PDB file of all heavy atoms in Angstrom:
ATOM      1  N   CYS A   1     -83.481 -77.272 -20.155  1.00  0.00           N
ATOM      2  CA  CYS A   1     -83.330 -78.721 -19.816  1.00  0.00           C
ATOM      3  C   CYS A   1     -83.734 -78.985 -18.332  1.00  0.00           C
ATOM      4  O   CYS A   1     -83.523 -80.070 -17.848  1.00  0.00           O
ATOM      5  CB  CYS A   1     -81.919 -79.132 -20.030  1.00  0.00           C
ATOM      6  SG  CYS A   1     -80.673 -78.154 -19.158  1.00  0.00           S
ATOM      7  N   ARG A   2     -84.383 -78.007 -17.711  1.00  0.00           N
ATOM      8  CA  ARG A   2     -84.771 -78.150 -16.309  1.00  0.00           C
ATOM      9  C   ARG A   2     -86.099 -78.909 -16.180  1.00  0.00           C
ATOM     10  O   ARG A   2     -86.888 -78.991 -17.088  1.00  0.00           O
ATOM     11  CB  ARG A   2     -84.887 -76.816 -15.597  1.00  0.00           C
ATOM     12  CG  ARG A   2     -83.630 -75.978 -15.488  1.00  0.00           C
ATOM     13  CD  ARG A   2     -83.955 -74.597 -15.008  1.00  0.00           C
ATOM     14  NE  ARG A   2     -84.870 -73.901 -15.885  1.00  0.00           N
ATOM     15  CZ  ARG A   2     -85.578 -72.774 -15.580  1.00  0.00           C
ATOM     16  NH1 ARG A   2     -85.419 -72.278 -14.354  1.00  0.00           N
ATOM     17  NH2 ARG A   2     -86.381 -72.201 -16.478  1.00  0.00           N
ATOM     18  N   ASN A   3     -86.310 -79.529 -15.003  1.00  0.00           N
ATOM     19  CA  ASN A   3     -87.581 -80.121 -14.743  1.00  0.00           C
ATOM     20  C   ASN A   3     -88.658 -79.070 -14.578  1.00  0.00           C
ATOM     21  O   ASN A   3     -88.408 -78.005 -13.986  1.00  0.00           O
ATOM     22  CB  ASN A   3     -87.442 -80.933 -13.420  1.00  0.00           C
ATOM     23  CG  ASN A   3     -88.645 -81.824 -13.173  1.00  0.00           C
ATOM     24  OD1 ASN A   3     -89.797 -81.389 -13.197  1.00  0.00           O
ATOM     25  ND2 ASN A   3     -88.354 -83.098 -12.886  1.00  0.00           N
ATOM     26  N   GLU A   4     -89.822 -79.281 -15.142  1.00  0.00           N
ATOM     27  CA  GLU A   4     -90.895 -78.316 -15.099  1.00  0.00           C
ATOM     28  C   GLU A   4     -91.447 -78.068 -13.746  1.00  0.00           C
ATOM     29  O   GLU A   4     -92.068 -77.014 -13.430  1.00  0.00           O
ATOM     30  CB  GLU A   4     -92.015 -78.712 -16.019  1.00  0.00           C
ATOM     31  CG  GLU A   4     -91.602 -78.688 -17.504  1.00  0.00           C
ATOM     32  CD  GLU A   4     -92.800 -78.984 -18.417  1.00  0.00           C
ATOM     33  OE1 GLU A   4     -93.955 -79.010 -17.928  1.00  0.00           O
ATOM     34  OE2 GLU A   4     -92.562 -79.123 -19.636  1.00  0.00           O
ATOM     35  N   LYS A   5     -91.203 -78.974 -12.813  1.00  0.00           N
ATOM     36  CA  LYS A   5     -91.728 -78.795 -11.446  1.00  0.00           C
ATOM     37  C   LYS A   5     -91.077 -77.604 -10.734  1.00  0.00           C
ATOM     38  O   LYS A   5     -89.847 -77.489 -10.731  1.00  0.00           O
ATOM     39  CB  LYS A   5     -91.505 -80.106 -10.653  1.00  0.00           C
ATOM     40  CG  LYS A   5     -92.139 -80.051  -9.255  1.00  0.00           C
ATOM     41  CD  LYS A   5     -91.853 -81.376  -8.535  1.00  0.00           C
ATOM     42  CE  LYS A   5     -92.472 -81.358  -7.124  1.00  0.00           C
ATOM     43  NZ  LYS A   5     -92.190 -82.620  -6.399  1.00  0.00           N
ATOM     44  N   ASN A   6     -91.850 -76.734 -10.162  1.00  0.00           N
ATOM     45  CA  ASN A   6     -91.404 -75.610  -9.416  1.00  0.00           C
ATOM     46  C   ASN A   6     -90.584 -74.639 -10.270  1.00  0.00           C
ATOM     47  O   ASN A   6     -89.773 -73.866  -9.742  1.00  0.00           O
ATOM     48  CB  ASN A   6     -90.555 -76.039  -8.193  1.00  0.00           C
ATOM     49  CG  ASN A   6     -91.318 -76.857  -7.188  1.00  0.00           C
ATOM     50  OD1 ASN A   6     -92.532 -76.654  -7.022  1.00  0.00           O
ATOM     51  ND2 ASN A   6     -90.668 -77.819  -6.588  1.00  0.00           N
ATOM     52  N   ARG A   7     -90.799 -74.638 -11.558  1.00  0.00           N
ATOM     53  CA  ARG A   7     -90.117 -73.703 -12.464  1.00  0.00           C
ATOM     54  C   ARG A   7     -90.828 -72.379 -12.491  1.00  0.00           C
ATOM     55  O   ARG A   7     -91.967 -72.303 -13.010  1.00  0.00           O
ATOM     56  CB  ARG A   7     -90.019 -74.285 -13.889  1.00  0.00           C
ATOM     57  CG  ARG A   7     -89.136 -73.457 -14.821  1.00  0.00           C
ATOM     58  CD  ARG A   7     -89.340 -73.909 -16.237  1.00  0.00           C
ATOM     59  NE  ARG A   7     -88.864 -75.287 -16.467  1.00  0.00           N
ATOM     60  CZ  ARG A   7     -88.975 -75.918 -17.637  1.00  0.00           C
ATOM     61  NH1 ARG A   7     -89.548 -75.297 -18.665  1.00  0.00           N
ATOM     62  NH2 ARG A   7     -88.555 -77.148 -17.769  1.00  0.00           N
ATOM     63  N   LEU A   8     -90.233 -71.328 -11.967  1.00  0.00           N
ATOM     64  CA  LEU A   8     -90.878 -70.031 -11.928  1.00  0.00           C
ATOM     65  C   LEU A   8     -90.514 -69.150 -13.102  1.00  0.00           C
ATOM     66  O   LEU A   8     -91.315 -68.287 -13.484  1.00  0.00           O
ATOM     67  CB  LEU A   8     -90.406 -69.292 -10.609  1.00  0.00           C
ATOM     68  CG  LEU A   8     -90.868 -69.924  -9.304  1.00  0.00           C
ATOM     69  CD1 LEU A   8     -90.324 -69.106  -8.112  1.00  0.00           C
ATOM     70  CD2 LEU A   8     -92.404 -69.931  -9.209  1.00  0.00           C
ATOM     71  N   TYR A   9     -89.334 -69.333 -13.698  1.00  0.00           N
ATOM     72  CA  TYR A   9     -88.914 -68.475 -14.771  1.00  0.00           C
ATOM     73  C   TYR A   9     -88.521 -69.319 -16.001  1.00  0.00           C
ATOM     74  O   TYR A   9     -87.924 -70.393 -15.873  1.00  0.00           O
ATOM     75  CB  TYR A   9     -87.666 -67.672 -14.291  1.00  0.00           C
ATOM     76  CG  TYR A   9     -87.880 -66.968 -13.003  1.00  0.00           C
ATOM     77  CD1 TYR A   9     -87.362 -67.459 -11.833  1.00  0.00           C
ATOM     78  CD2 TYR A   9     -88.585 -65.756 -12.960  1.00  0.00           C
ATOM     79  CE1 TYR A   9     -87.565 -66.825 -10.644  1.00  0.00           C
ATOM     80  CE2 TYR A   9     -88.787 -65.098 -11.775  1.00  0.00           C
ATOM     81  CZ  TYR A   9     -88.270 -65.610 -10.622  1.00  0.00           C
ATOM     82  OH  TYR A   9     -88.470 -65.014  -9.413  1.00  0.00           O
ATOM     83  N   THR A  10     -88.930 -68.808 -17.153  1.00  0.00           N
ATOM     84  CA  THR A  10     -88.559 -69.542 -18.401  1.00  0.00           C
ATOM     85  C   THR A  10     -87.058 -69.285 -18.713  1.00  0.00           C
ATOM     86  O   THR A  10     -86.470 -68.341 -18.220  1.00  0.00           O
ATOM     87  CB  THR A  10     -89.433 -69.093 -19.560  1.00  0.00           C
ATOM     88  OG1 THR A  10     -89.105 -67.671 -19.800  1.00  0.00           O
ATOM     89  CG2 THR A  10     -90.905 -69.224 -19.241  1.00  0.00           C
ATOM     90  N   ALA A  11     -86.556 -70.184 -19.623  1.00  0.00           N
ATOM     91  CA  ALA A  11     -85.169 -69.993 -20.067  1.00  0.00           C
ATOM     92  C   ALA A  11     -84.995 -68.679 -20.745  1.00  0.00           C
ATOM     93  O   ALA A  11     -83.966 -67.985 -20.539  1.00  0.00           O
ATOM     94  CB  ALA A  11     -84.808 -71.155 -20.971  1.00  0.00           C
ATOM     95  N   SER A  12     -85.918 -68.263 -21.573  1.00  0.00           N
ATOM     96  CA  SER A  12     -85.818 -67.018 -22.312  1.00  0.00           C
ATOM     97  C   SER A  12     -85.736 -65.820 -21.352  1.00  0.00           C
ATOM     98  O   SER A  12     -84.992 -64.842 -21.609  1.00  0.00           O
ATOM     99  CB  SER A  12     -86.952 -66.823 -23.324  1.00  0.00           C
ATOM    100  OG  SER A  12     -88.204 -66.843 -22.625  1.00  0.00           O
ATOM    101  N   GLU A  13     -86.518 -65.841 -20.271  1.00  0.00           N
ATOM    102  CA  GLU A  13     -86.473 -64.765 -19.304  1.00  0.00           C
ATOM    103  C   GLU A  13     -85.161 -64.697 -18.612  1.00  0.00           C
ATOM    104  O   GLU A  13     -84.578 -63.595 -18.431  1.00  0.00           O
ATOM    105  CB  GLU A  13     -87.595 -64.958 -18.243  1.00  0.00           C
ATOM    106  CG  GLU A  13     -89.015 -64.733 -18.776  1.00  0.00           C
ATOM    107  CD  GLU A  13     -90.052 -65.228 -17.817  1.00  0.00           C
ATOM    108  OE1 GLU A  13     -89.760 -65.915 -16.884  1.00  0.00           O
ATOM    109  OE2 GLU A  13     -91.266 -64.807 -18.001  1.00  0.00           O
ATOM    110  N   LEU A  14     -84.604 -65.825 -18.176  1.00  0.00           N
ATOM    111  CA  LEU A  14     -83.311 -65.827 -17.471  1.00  0.00           C
ATOM    112  C   LEU A  14     -82.169 -65.336 -18.431  1.00  0.00           C
ATOM    113  O   LEU A  14     -81.273 -64.607 -17.995  1.00  0.00           O
ATOM    114  CB  LEU A  14     -83.031 -67.203 -16.950  1.00  0.00           C
ATOM    115  CG  LEU A  14     -84.015 -67.713 -15.867  1.00  0.00           C
ATOM    116  CD1 LEU A  14     -83.699 -69.166 -15.480  1.00  0.00           C
ATOM    117  CD2 LEU A  14     -83.952 -66.811 -14.619  1.00  0.00           C
ATOM    118  N   VAL A  15     -82.200 -65.795 -19.666  1.00  0.00           N
ATOM    119  CA  VAL A  15     -81.176 -65.385 -20.595  1.00  0.00           C
ATOM    120  C   VAL A  15     -81.278 -63.916 -20.904  1.00  0.00           C
ATOM    121  O   VAL A  15     -80.252 -63.185 -20.957  1.00  0.00           O
ATOM    122  CB  VAL A  15     -81.290 -66.220 -21.903  1.00  0.00           C
ATOM    123  CG1 VAL A  15     -80.297 -65.699 -22.972  1.00  0.00           C
ATOM    124  CG2 VAL A  15     -80.971 -67.683 -21.650  1.00  0.00           C
ATOM    125  N   PHE A  16     -82.469 -63.415 -21.159  1.00  0.00           N
ATOM    126  CA  PHE A  16     -82.686 -61.993 -21.494  1.00  0.00           C
ATOM    127  C   PHE A  16     -82.239 -61.103 -20.309  1.00  0.00           C
ATOM    128  O   PHE A  16     -81.530 -60.121 -20.486  1.00  0.00           O
ATOM    129  CB  PHE A  16     -84.134 -61.717 -21.804  1.00  0.00           C
ATOM    130  CG  PHE A  16     -84.430 -60.266 -22.222  1.00  0.00           C
ATOM    131  CD1 PHE A  16     -84.077 -59.791 -23.428  1.00  0.00           C
ATOM    132  CD2 PHE A  16     -85.021 -59.397 -21.256  1.00  0.00           C
ATOM    133  CE1 PHE A  16     -84.323 -58.460 -23.752  1.00  0.00           C
ATOM    134  CE2 PHE A  16     -85.290 -58.094 -21.609  1.00  0.00           C
ATOM    135  CZ  PHE A  16     -84.897 -57.625 -22.843  1.00  0.00           C
ATOM    136  N   ILE A  17     -82.642 -61.475 -19.098  1.00  0.00           N
ATOM    137  CA  ILE A  17     -82.265 -60.684 -17.911  1.00  0.00           C
ATOM    138  C   ILE A  17     -80.737 -60.653 -17.742  1.00  0.00           C
ATOM    139  O   ILE A  17     -80.154 -59.573 -17.492  1.00  0.00           O
ATOM    140  CB  ILE A  17     -82.959 -61.257 -16.657  1.00  0.00           C
ATOM    141  CG1 ILE A  17     -84.419 -60.973 -16.708  1.00  0.00           C
ATOM    142  CG2 ILE A  17     -82.311 -60.669 -15.378  1.00  0.00           C
ATOM    143  CD1 ILE A  17     -85.212 -61.709 -15.631  1.00  0.00           C
ATOM    144  N   THR A  18     -80.089 -61.778 -17.952  1.00  0.00           N
ATOM    145  CA  THR A  18     -78.657 -61.855 -17.756  1.00  0.00           C
ATOM    146  C   THR A  18     -77.924 -61.050 -18.889  1.00  0.00           C
ATOM    147  O   THR A  18     -76.990 -60.305 -18.574  1.00  0.00           O
ATOM    148  CB  THR A  18     -78.176 -63.290 -17.837  1.00  0.00           C
ATOM    149  OG1 THR A  18     -78.855 -64.047 -16.784  1.00  0.00           O
ATOM    150  CG2 THR A  18     -76.659 -63.450 -17.642  1.00  0.00           C
ATOM    151  N   LEU A  19     -78.405 -61.198 -20.119  1.00  0.00           N
ATOM    152  CA  LEU A  19     -77.760 -60.525 -21.219  1.00  0.00           C
ATOM    153  C   LEU A  19     -77.863 -59.040 -21.033  1.00  0.00           C
ATOM    154  O   LEU A  19     -76.879 -58.270 -21.237  1.00  0.00           O
ATOM    155  CB  LEU A  19     -78.395 -60.954 -22.534  1.00  0.00           C
ATOM    156  CG  LEU A  19     -77.946 -60.213 -23.807  1.00  0.00           C
ATOM    157  CD1 LEU A  19     -76.491 -60.382 -24.012  1.00  0.00           C
ATOM    158  CD2 LEU A  19     -78.696 -60.756 -25.002  1.00  0.00           C
ATOM    159  N   VAL A  20     -79.043 -58.516 -20.705  1.00  0.00           N
ATOM    160  CA  VAL A  20     -79.220 -57.043 -20.524  1.00  0.00           C
ATOM    161  C   VAL A  20     -78.399 -56.543 -19.350  1.00  0.00           C
ATOM    162  O   VAL A  20     -77.743 -55.517 -19.420  1.00  0.00           O
ATOM    163  CB  VAL A  20     -80.720 -56.722 -20.289  1.00  0.00           C
ATOM    164  CG1 VAL A  20     -80.908 -55.269 -19.954  1.00  0.00           C
ATOM    165  CG2 VAL A  20     -81.532 -57.068 -21.516  1.00  0.00           C
ATOM    166  N   SER A  21     -78.325 -57.310 -18.263  1.00  0.00           N
ATOM    167  CA  SER A  21     -77.592 -56.915 -17.081  1.00  0.00           C
ATOM    168  C   SER A  21     -76.064 -56.857 -17.432  1.00  0.00           C
ATOM    169  O   SER A  21     -75.392 -55.891 -17.011  1.00  0.00           O
ATOM    170  CB  SER A  21     -77.815 -57.890 -15.943  1.00  0.00           C
ATOM    171  OG  SER A  21     -79.209 -57.925 -15.571  1.00  0.00           O
ATOM    172  N   VAL A  22     -75.590 -57.824 -18.156  1.00  0.00           N
ATOM    173  CA  VAL A  22     -74.139 -57.809 -18.507  1.00  0.00           C
ATOM    174  C   VAL A  22     -73.863 -56.665 -19.453  1.00  0.00           C
ATOM    175  O   VAL A  22     -72.818 -55.976 -19.306  1.00  0.00           O
ATOM    176  CB  VAL A  22     -73.803 -59.178 -19.205  1.00  0.00           C
ATOM    177  CG1 VAL A  22     -72.386 -59.068 -19.857  1.00  0.00           C
ATOM    178  CG2 VAL A  22     -73.835 -60.324 -18.212  1.00  0.00           C
ATOM    179  N   MET A  23     -74.753 -56.394 -20.357  1.00  0.00           N
ATOM    180  CA  MET A  23     -74.566 -55.243 -21.273  1.00  0.00           C
ATOM    181  C   MET A  23     -74.507 -53.920 -20.514  1.00  0.00           C
ATOM    182  O   MET A  23     -73.860 -52.945 -20.932  1.00  0.00           O
ATOM    183  CB  MET A  23     -75.666 -55.271 -22.322  1.00  0.00           C
ATOM    184  CG  MET A  23     -75.459 -54.326 -23.493  1.00  0.00           C
ATOM    185  SD  MET A  23     -76.899 -54.331 -24.581  1.00  0.00           S
ATOM    186  CE  MET A  23     -78.049 -53.393 -23.647  1.00  0.00           C
ATOM    187  N   CYS A  24     -75.207 -53.918 -19.384  1.00  0.00           N
ATOM    188  CA  CYS A  24     -75.246 -52.648 -18.609  1.00  0.00           C
ATOM    189  C   CYS A  24     -74.152 -52.562 -17.526  1.00  0.00           C
ATOM    190  O   CYS A  24     -74.105 -51.634 -16.711  1.00  0.00           O
ATOM    191  CB  CYS A  24     -76.638 -52.518 -17.921  1.00  0.00           C
ATOM    192  SG  CYS A  24     -77.970 -52.302 -19.069  1.00  0.00           S
ATOM    193  N   GLY A  25     -73.245 -53.538 -17.561  1.00  0.00           N
ATOM    194  CA  GLY A  25     -72.088 -53.491 -16.686  1.00  0.00           C
ATOM    195  C   GLY A  25     -72.114 -54.351 -15.440  1.00  0.00           C
ATOM    196  O   GLY A  25     -71.220 -54.161 -14.543  1.00  0.00           O
ATOM    197  N   TYR A  26     -73.002 -55.318 -15.339  1.00  0.00           N
ATOM    198  CA  TYR A  26     -73.129 -56.135 -14.166  1.00  0.00           C
ATOM    199  C   TYR A  26     -72.714 -57.607 -14.522  1.00  0.00           C
ATOM    200  O   TYR A  26     -73.364 -58.255 -15.327  1.00  0.00           O
ATOM    201  CB  TYR A  26     -74.587 -56.074 -13.588  1.00  0.00           C
ATOM    202  CG  TYR A  26     -74.966 -54.683 -13.300  1.00  0.00           C
ATOM    203  CD1 TYR A  26     -75.674 -53.862 -14.199  1.00  0.00           C
ATOM    204  CD2 TYR A  26     -74.620 -54.155 -12.018  1.00  0.00           C
ATOM    205  CE1 TYR A  26     -75.985 -52.594 -13.919  1.00  0.00           C
ATOM    206  CE2 TYR A  26     -74.935 -52.814 -11.738  1.00  0.00           C
ATOM    207  CZ  TYR A  26     -75.607 -52.038 -12.653  1.00  0.00           C
ATOM    208  OH  TYR A  26     -75.950 -50.745 -12.348  1.00  0.00           O
ATOM    209  N   ASP A  27     -71.632 -58.064 -13.868  1.00  0.00           N
ATOM    210  CA  ASP A  27     -70.938 -59.260 -14.319  1.00  0.00           C
ATOM    211  C   ASP A  27     -70.971 -60.393 -13.313  1.00  0.00           C
ATOM    212  O   ASP A  27     -70.361 -61.434 -13.566  1.00  0.00           O
ATOM    213  CB  ASP A  27     -69.514 -58.916 -14.674  1.00  0.00           C
ATOM    214  CG  ASP A  27     -69.330 -57.820 -15.691  1.00  0.00           C
ATOM    215  OD1 ASP A  27     -70.179 -57.823 -16.609  1.00  0.00           O
ATOM    216  OD2 ASP A  27     -68.465 -56.984 -15.567  1.00  0.00           O
ATOM    217  N   THR A  28     -71.673 -60.285 -12.212  1.00  0.00           N
ATOM    218  CA  THR A  28     -71.801 -61.361 -11.236  1.00  0.00           C
ATOM    219  C   THR A  28     -73.276 -61.691 -11.089  1.00  0.00           C
ATOM    220  O   THR A  28     -74.166 -60.858 -11.328  1.00  0.00           O
ATOM    221  CB  THR A  28     -71.180 -61.064  -9.881  1.00  0.00           C
ATOM    222  OG1 THR A  28     -71.925 -60.024  -9.238  1.00  0.00           O
ATOM    223  CG2 THR A  28     -69.740 -60.530 -10.083  1.00  0.00           C
ATOM    224  N   TRP A  29     -73.550 -62.926 -10.587  1.00  0.00           N
ATOM    225  CA  TRP A  29     -74.957 -63.296 -10.361  1.00  0.00           C
ATOM    226  C   TRP A  29     -75.648 -62.375  -9.327  1.00  0.00           C
ATOM    227  O   TRP A  29     -76.816 -62.061  -9.494  1.00  0.00           O
ATOM    228  CB  TRP A  29     -75.048 -64.753  -9.918  1.00  0.00           C
ATOM    229  CG  TRP A  29     -74.459 -65.790 -10.862  1.00  0.00           C
ATOM    230  CD1 TRP A  29     -73.563 -66.738 -10.579  1.00  0.00           C
ATOM    231  CD2 TRP A  29     -74.720 -65.884 -12.275  1.00  0.00           C
ATOM    232  NE1 TRP A  29     -73.255 -67.492 -11.694  1.00  0.00           N
ATOM    233  CE2 TRP A  29     -73.951 -66.950 -12.774  1.00  0.00           C
ATOM    234  CE3 TRP A  29     -75.534 -65.196 -13.189  1.00  0.00           C
ATOM    235  CZ2 TRP A  29     -73.947 -67.356 -14.079  1.00  0.00           C
ATOM    236  CZ3 TRP A  29     -75.559 -65.605 -14.505  1.00  0.00           C
ATOM    237  CH2 TRP A  29     -74.760 -66.642 -14.910  1.00  0.00           C
ATOM    238  N   ASP A  30     -74.946 -61.972  -8.284  1.00  0.00           N
ATOM    239  CA  ASP A  30     -75.527 -61.084  -7.293  1.00  0.00           C
ATOM    240  C   ASP A  30     -75.877 -59.776  -7.929  1.00  0.00           C
ATOM    241  O   ASP A  30     -76.910 -59.197  -7.689  1.00  0.00           O
ATOM    242  CB  ASP A  30     -74.563 -60.871  -6.185  1.00  0.00           C
ATOM    243  CG  ASP A  30     -74.380 -62.101  -5.244  1.00  0.00           C
ATOM    244  OD1 ASP A  30     -75.400 -62.751  -5.012  1.00  0.00           O
ATOM    245  OD2 ASP A  30     -73.239 -62.427  -4.902  1.00  0.00           O
ATOM    246  N   ASP A  31     -74.978 -59.257  -8.802  1.00  0.00           N
ATOM    247  CA  ASP A  31     -75.225 -57.951  -9.463  1.00  0.00           C
ATOM    248  C   ASP A  31     -76.390 -58.070 -10.416  1.00  0.00           C
ATOM    249  O   ASP A  31     -77.200 -57.108 -10.544  1.00  0.00           O
ATOM    250  CB  ASP A  31     -73.980 -57.510 -10.214  1.00  0.00           C
ATOM    251  CG  ASP A  31     -72.862 -57.050  -9.279  1.00  0.00           C
ATOM    252  OD1 ASP A  31     -73.178 -56.754  -8.079  1.00  0.00           O
ATOM    253  OD2 ASP A  31     -71.738 -56.904  -9.746  1.00  0.00           O
ATOM    254  N   VAL A  32     -76.498 -59.169 -11.140  1.00  0.00           N
ATOM    255  CA  VAL A  32     -77.626 -59.382 -12.093  1.00  0.00           C
ATOM    256  C   VAL A  32     -78.940 -59.351 -11.327  1.00  0.00           C
ATOM    257  O   VAL A  32     -79.944 -58.728 -11.731  1.00  0.00           O
ATOM    258  CB  VAL A  32     -77.470 -60.688 -12.836  1.00  0.00           C
ATOM    259  CG1 VAL A  32     -78.666 -61.001 -13.714  1.00  0.00           C
ATOM    260  CG2 VAL A  32     -76.186 -60.603 -13.771  1.00  0.00           C
ATOM    261  N   GLU A  33     -79.001 -60.016 -10.150  1.00  0.00           N
ATOM    262  CA  GLU A  33     -80.216 -60.030  -9.345  1.00  0.00           C
ATOM    263  C   GLU A  33     -80.540 -58.652  -8.857  1.00  0.00           C
ATOM    264  O   GLU A  33     -81.723 -58.187  -9.029  1.00  0.00           O
ATOM    265  CB  GLU A  33     -80.028 -60.946  -8.153  1.00  0.00           C
ATOM    266  CG  GLU A  33     -81.221 -60.966  -7.204  1.00  0.00           C
ATOM    267  CD  GLU A  33     -80.942 -61.731  -5.898  1.00  0.00           C
ATOM    268  OE1 GLU A  33     -79.879 -62.402  -5.800  1.00  0.00           O
ATOM    269  OE2 GLU A  33     -81.789 -61.584  -5.002  1.00  0.00           O
ATOM    270  N   LEU A  34     -79.582 -57.880  -8.386  1.00  0.00           N
ATOM    271  CA  LEU A  34     -79.857 -56.551  -7.948  1.00  0.00           C
ATOM    272  C   LEU A  34     -80.282 -55.598  -8.997  1.00  0.00           C
ATOM    273  O   LEU A  34     -81.193 -54.776  -8.842  1.00  0.00           O
ATOM    274  CB  LEU A  34     -78.590 -55.973  -7.244  1.00  0.00           C
ATOM    275  CG  LEU A  34     -78.176 -56.638  -5.900  1.00  0.00           C
ATOM    276  CD1 LEU A  34     -76.831 -56.143  -5.456  1.00  0.00           C
ATOM    277  CD2 LEU A  34     -79.243 -56.377  -4.868  1.00  0.00           C
ATOM    278  N   PHE A  35     -79.662 -55.717 -10.209  1.00  0.00           N
ATOM    279  CA  PHE A  35     -80.034 -54.896 -11.308  1.00  0.00           C
ATOM    280  C   PHE A  35     -81.477 -55.196 -11.752  1.00  0.00           C
ATOM    281  O   PHE A  35     -82.207 -54.249 -12.091  1.00  0.00           O
ATOM    282  CB  PHE A  35     -79.049 -55.107 -12.488  1.00  0.00           C
ATOM    283  CG  PHE A  35     -79.352 -54.264 -13.694  1.00  0.00           C
ATOM    284  CD1 PHE A  35     -79.133 -52.896 -13.669  1.00  0.00           C
ATOM    285  CD2 PHE A  35     -79.892 -54.799 -14.851  1.00  0.00           C
ATOM    286  CE1 PHE A  35     -79.412 -52.093 -14.782  1.00  0.00           C
ATOM    287  CE2 PHE A  35     -80.193 -54.027 -15.948  1.00  0.00           C
ATOM    288  CZ  PHE A  35     -79.950 -52.657 -15.905  1.00  0.00           C
ATOM    289  N   CYS A  36     -81.844 -56.515 -11.829  1.00  0.00           N
ATOM    290  CA  CYS A  36     -83.150 -56.840 -12.221  1.00  0.00           C
ATOM    291  C   CYS A  36     -84.207 -56.329 -11.241  1.00  0.00           C
ATOM    292  O   CYS A  36     -85.243 -55.800 -11.660  1.00  0.00           O
ATOM    293  CB  CYS A  36     -83.287 -58.405 -12.346  1.00  0.00           C
ATOM    294  SG  CYS A  36     -84.922 -58.956 -12.869  1.00  0.00           S
ATOM    295  N   ARG A  37     -83.894 -56.402  -9.951  1.00  0.00           N
ATOM    296  CA  ARG A  37     -84.793 -55.868  -8.976  1.00  0.00           C
ATOM    297  C   ARG A  37     -84.969 -54.363  -9.064  1.00  0.00           C
ATOM    298  O   ARG A  37     -86.077 -53.844  -9.011  1.00  0.00           O
ATOM    299  CB  ARG A  37     -84.299 -56.186  -7.543  1.00  0.00           C
ATOM    300  CG  ARG A  37     -85.247 -55.787  -6.452  1.00  0.00           C
ATOM    301  CD  ARG A  37     -84.785 -56.213  -5.067  1.00  0.00           C
ATOM    302  NE  ARG A  37     -84.906 -57.645  -4.937  1.00  0.00           N
ATOM    303  CZ  ARG A  37     -83.850 -58.464  -4.767  1.00  0.00           C
ATOM    304  NH1 ARG A  37     -82.633 -57.996  -4.697  1.00  0.00           N
ATOM    305  NH2 ARG A  37     -84.038 -59.735  -4.657  1.00  0.00           N
ATOM    306  N   SER A  38     -83.898 -53.654  -9.385  1.00  0.00           N
ATOM    307  CA  SER A  38     -83.951 -52.173  -9.460  1.00  0.00           C
ATOM    308  C   SER A  38     -84.590 -51.717 -10.766  1.00  0.00           C
ATOM    309  O   SER A  38     -85.147 -50.642 -10.820  1.00  0.00           O
ATOM    310  CB  SER A  38     -82.553 -51.583  -9.314  1.00  0.00           C
ATOM    311  OG  SER A  38     -81.752 -51.970 -10.482  1.00  0.00           O
ATOM    312  N   GLN A  39     -84.564 -52.566 -11.766  1.00  0.00           N
ATOM    313  CA  GLN A  39     -85.137 -52.247 -13.080  1.00  0.00           C
ATOM    314  C   GLN A  39     -86.291 -53.171 -13.397  1.00  0.00           C
ATOM    315  O   GLN A  39     -86.545 -53.503 -14.603  1.00  0.00           O
ATOM    316  CB  GLN A  39     -84.029 -52.403 -14.161  1.00  0.00           C
ATOM    317  CG  GLN A  39     -82.853 -51.449 -13.998  1.00  0.00           C
ATOM    318  CD  GLN A  39     -83.254 -50.004 -14.284  1.00  0.00           C
ATOM    319  OE1 GLN A  39     -83.928 -49.724 -15.233  1.00  0.00           O
ATOM    320  NE2 GLN A  39     -82.797 -49.102 -13.424  1.00  0.00           N
ATOM    321  N   PHE A  40     -87.022 -53.607 -12.392  1.00  0.00           N
ATOM    322  CA  PHE A  40     -88.068 -54.604 -12.614  1.00  0.00           C
ATOM    323  C   PHE A  40     -89.127 -54.135 -13.569  1.00  0.00           C
ATOM    324  O   PHE A  40     -89.643 -54.908 -14.406  1.00  0.00           O
ATOM    325  CB  PHE A  40     -88.692 -55.074 -11.257  1.00  0.00           C
ATOM    326  CG  PHE A  40     -89.728 -56.137 -11.464  1.00  0.00           C
ATOM    327  CD1 PHE A  40     -89.295 -57.457 -11.627  1.00  0.00           C
ATOM    328  CD2 PHE A  40     -91.076 -55.871 -11.425  1.00  0.00           C
ATOM    329  CE1 PHE A  40     -90.235 -58.446 -11.824  1.00  0.00           C
ATOM    330  CE2 PHE A  40     -92.014 -56.880 -11.600  1.00  0.00           C
ATOM    331  CZ  PHE A  40     -91.590 -58.197 -11.784  1.00  0.00           C
ATOM    332  N   ASP A  41     -89.553 -52.848 -13.492  1.00  0.00           N
ATOM    333  CA  ASP A  41     -90.572 -52.342 -14.410  1.00  0.00           C
ATOM    334  C   ASP A  41     -90.128 -52.470 -15.841  1.00  0.00           C
ATOM    335  O   ASP A  41     -90.942 -52.711 -16.732  1.00  0.00           O
ATOM    336  CB  ASP A  41     -90.901 -50.881 -14.030  1.00  0.00           C
ATOM    337  CG  ASP A  41     -91.608 -50.730 -12.730  1.00  0.00           C
ATOM    338  OD1 ASP A  41     -92.192 -51.757 -12.281  1.00  0.00           O
ATOM    339  OD2 ASP A  41     -91.578 -49.658 -12.179  1.00  0.00           O
ATOM    340  N   TYR A  42     -88.818 -52.198 -16.089  1.00  0.00           N
ATOM    341  CA  TYR A  42     -88.278 -52.291 -17.451  1.00  0.00           C
ATOM    342  C   TYR A  42     -88.391 -53.749 -17.953  1.00  0.00           C
ATOM    343  O   TYR A  42     -88.894 -54.004 -19.089  1.00  0.00           O
ATOM    344  CB  TYR A  42     -86.811 -51.863 -17.456  1.00  0.00           C
ATOM    345  CG  TYR A  42     -86.151 -52.203 -18.759  1.00  0.00           C
ATOM    346  CD1 TYR A  42     -86.153 -51.290 -19.816  1.00  0.00           C
ATOM    347  CD2 TYR A  42     -85.378 -53.374 -18.914  1.00  0.00           C
ATOM    348  CE1 TYR A  42     -85.541 -51.553 -21.043  1.00  0.00           C
ATOM    349  CE2 TYR A  42     -84.697 -53.634 -20.124  1.00  0.00           C
ATOM    350  CZ  TYR A  42     -84.799 -52.713 -21.188  1.00  0.00           C
ATOM    351  OH  TYR A  42     -84.193 -53.018 -22.348  1.00  0.00           O
TER     352      TYR A  42
END
């Protein structure tokens, strides 16, 4: 439901990254960001 202007990430990308991060034990937004950065190739 976001405005398309300046949208860098799709909804599916944000949901997938969050879901995988939570499944791996990361439960805060800061932790999700750090996990995604450390596992960016994945």
